[in-house]
Protein backbone atom coordinates (compact mmCIF):
# COMPACT_ATOMS: atom_id res chain seq x y z
CA UNK A 1 85.55 122.11 50.00
CA UNK A 2 86.47 125.42 48.53
CA UNK A 3 83.69 127.90 48.01
CA UNK A 4 85.49 130.46 45.85
CA UNK A 5 83.75 129.83 42.67
CA UNK A 6 80.92 132.24 43.39
CA UNK A 7 83.34 135.11 44.09
CA UNK A 8 85.69 134.12 41.31
CA UNK A 9 82.90 134.05 38.61
CA UNK A 10 81.81 137.56 39.49
CA UNK A 11 85.49 138.81 39.16
CA UNK A 12 85.89 136.88 35.88
CA UNK A 13 82.81 138.31 34.37
CA UNK A 14 83.90 141.85 35.40
CA UNK A 15 86.95 141.32 33.25
CA UNK A 16 85.29 139.63 30.43
CA UNK A 17 82.80 142.42 29.87
CA UNK A 18 79.92 142.38 27.52
CA UNK A 19 79.23 141.68 23.87
CA UNK A 20 82.08 142.10 21.47
CA UNK A 21 83.00 140.99 17.88
CA UNK A 22 86.52 142.11 17.23
CA UNK A 23 87.91 141.10 13.85
CA UNK A 24 91.39 140.54 15.44
CA UNK A 25 89.93 138.29 18.10
CA UNK A 26 90.24 134.61 16.96
CA UNK A 27 87.18 133.79 19.34
CA UNK A 28 84.83 135.85 17.04
CA UNK A 29 81.51 136.87 18.45
CA UNK A 30 81.76 136.84 22.31
CA UNK A 31 79.61 137.78 25.22
CA UNK A 32 80.53 137.57 28.87
CA UNK A 33 83.70 135.94 27.76
CA UNK A 34 81.86 133.05 26.00
CA UNK A 35 82.54 132.63 22.26
CA UNK A 36 79.76 131.77 19.87
CA UNK A 37 81.38 128.39 19.17
CA UNK A 38 81.72 127.53 22.84
CA UNK A 39 78.14 128.45 23.64
CA UNK A 40 76.77 126.56 20.62
CA UNK A 41 78.68 123.42 21.77
CA UNK A 42 77.31 123.96 25.34
CA UNK A 43 73.64 124.41 24.37
CA UNK A 44 73.87 121.91 21.39
CA UNK A 45 72.54 124.11 18.64
CA UNK A 46 73.48 127.03 16.55
CA UNK A 47 72.97 130.50 17.98
CA UNK A 48 72.26 133.75 16.34
CA UNK A 49 73.88 137.12 17.25
CA UNK A 50 70.58 138.06 18.98
CA UNK A 51 70.94 134.97 21.31
CA UNK A 52 74.55 135.82 21.91
CA UNK A 53 73.79 139.35 22.83
CA UNK A 54 71.01 138.05 25.21
CA UNK A 55 73.46 135.98 27.47
CA UNK A 56 73.34 136.67 31.11
CA UNK A 57 75.72 135.88 33.98
CA UNK A 58 73.18 133.46 35.32
CA UNK A 59 73.12 131.71 31.93
CA UNK A 60 76.91 131.38 31.42
CA UNK A 61 77.99 130.64 35.11
CA UNK A 62 77.19 126.87 34.77
CA UNK A 63 79.23 126.66 31.57
CA UNK A 64 82.17 128.27 33.25
CA UNK A 65 81.83 125.84 36.11
CA UNK A 66 81.59 122.81 33.97
CA UNK A 67 84.08 123.67 31.29
CA UNK A 68 86.80 125.53 33.25
CA UNK A 69 86.39 125.41 37.03
CA UNK A 70 85.74 121.82 37.40
CA UNK A 71 88.47 120.94 34.82
CA UNK A 72 91.09 122.76 36.78
CA UNK A 73 89.74 121.04 39.92
CA UNK A 74 89.09 124.53 41.30
CA UNK A 75 87.37 123.20 44.44
CA UNK A 76 90.49 121.41 45.37
CA UNK A 77 92.89 124.35 44.85
CA UNK A 78 93.81 126.75 47.52
CA UNK A 79 91.73 129.95 47.63
CA UNK A 80 93.36 132.48 45.38
CA UNK A 81 95.35 129.90 43.41
CA UNK A 82 91.89 128.56 42.02
CA UNK A 83 91.02 132.02 40.79
CA UNK A 84 94.24 132.88 38.93
CA UNK A 85 94.24 129.42 37.32
CA UNK A 86 90.49 129.77 36.49
CA UNK A 87 90.99 133.10 34.74
CA UNK A 88 93.84 131.79 32.75
CA UNK A 89 91.94 128.68 31.80
CA UNK A 90 89.25 130.91 30.43
CA UNK A 91 91.60 133.03 28.44
CA UNK A 92 94.26 130.66 27.28
CA UNK A 93 92.78 127.17 27.59
CA UNK A 94 92.51 124.62 30.46
CA UNK A 95 95.51 122.52 29.29
CA UNK A 96 97.72 125.72 29.04
CA UNK A 97 96.61 127.04 32.35
CA UNK A 98 97.30 123.60 34.09
CA UNK A 99 100.69 123.32 32.36
CA UNK A 100 101.68 126.67 33.72
CA UNK A 101 100.58 125.59 37.19
CA UNK A 102 102.48 122.33 36.97
CA UNK A 103 105.59 124.19 35.87
CA UNK A 104 105.29 126.62 38.91
CA UNK A 105 105.18 123.67 41.28
CA UNK A 106 107.85 121.62 39.54
CA UNK A 107 105.85 118.62 38.45
CA UNK A 108 105.75 117.21 34.90
CA UNK A 109 103.47 119.32 32.80
CA UNK A 110 100.71 117.07 31.25
CA UNK A 111 97.75 119.48 31.33
CA UNK A 112 95.92 117.37 34.04
CA UNK A 113 95.66 118.05 37.72
CA UNK A 114 96.15 114.89 39.67
CA UNK A 115 97.19 113.89 43.25
CA UNK A 116 100.88 114.72 42.60
CA UNK A 117 100.12 118.23 41.31
CA UNK A 118 97.67 118.81 44.21
CA UNK A 119 100.25 117.77 46.83
CA UNK A 120 102.95 120.07 45.24
CA UNK A 121 100.52 123.00 45.21
CA UNK A 122 99.52 122.49 48.81
CA UNK A 123 103.33 122.31 49.71
CA UNK A 124 103.87 125.82 48.43
CA UNK A 125 103.18 129.23 49.92
CA UNK A 126 99.96 130.39 48.21
CA UNK A 127 101.18 134.01 47.75
CA UNK A 128 104.41 132.79 46.24
CA UNK A 129 102.53 130.56 43.91
CA UNK A 130 100.36 133.23 42.75
CA UNK A 131 103.28 135.45 42.09
CA UNK A 132 105.03 132.64 40.12
CA UNK A 133 101.88 131.89 38.11
CA UNK A 134 101.45 135.57 37.28
CA UNK A 135 105.02 135.63 35.95
CA UNK A 136 104.50 132.44 33.83
CA UNK A 137 101.30 134.03 32.44
CA UNK A 138 102.85 137.28 31.53
CA UNK A 139 105.64 135.60 29.85
CA UNK A 140 103.20 133.46 27.77
CA UNK A 141 101.01 136.50 26.67
CA UNK A 142 104.02 138.47 25.72
CA UNK A 143 105.05 135.90 23.24
CA UNK A 144 101.65 135.98 21.41
CA UNK A 145 101.63 137.57 17.93
CA UNK A 146 98.58 139.83 18.81
CA UNK A 147 100.16 141.19 22.01
CA UNK A 148 100.57 144.46 20.46
CA UNK A 149 96.85 144.82 19.91
CA UNK A 150 95.53 143.21 23.11
CA UNK A 151 98.63 143.44 25.40
CA UNK A 152 97.60 146.51 27.42
CA UNK A 153 94.22 145.07 28.31
CA UNK A 154 95.72 141.60 29.10
CA UNK A 155 98.56 143.13 31.23
CA UNK A 156 95.84 145.12 33.20
CA UNK A 157 93.84 141.95 33.64
CA UNK A 158 96.46 139.82 34.78
CA UNK A 159 97.69 142.27 37.38
CA UNK A 160 94.15 142.62 38.59
CA UNK A 161 93.65 138.93 38.68
CA UNK A 162 96.97 138.62 40.73
CA UNK A 163 95.68 141.11 43.32
CA UNK A 164 92.21 139.55 43.46
CA UNK A 165 93.75 136.09 43.99
CA UNK A 166 95.89 137.36 46.85
CA UNK A 167 92.77 138.89 48.45
CA UNK A 168 91.04 135.61 48.24
CA UNK A 169 94.11 133.72 49.55
CA UNK A 170 94.41 135.99 52.46
CA UNK A 171 90.81 136.01 53.45
């Protein structure tokens, strides 16, 4: 079993930062990368700005594990690959992150990681897969209409995630 989640969540939260409410961000009010809508769905009740500002890493880690890490089957992915797919899933959605991964390993993209995808992933060199995944992710981000506003930050993040992923992959 892979034990990268604890390291990966720390790196992810570093990238996500603290409380923001950017009018150009479709996610709206966000803290530690968790949007108000996602948090409200997770806790099952409406939340105020005060509650959103009070979120801590310890509070949001279980949400990230359940809603993203487990859905990408992070514990079954090679170290490093798990981190880059997890980070993408948080930013761009689980389905899109998995589709990108499946495209990298040449299996039909259906947004769900099953045994065929796992086998194809394990057959590839981890560092090559991280490089391919990073290329797919950059290509996707550059096509977004708000890339001019957020692109510099996204580019920096994806480059950093790629390096972090290779560090995890290479022990």
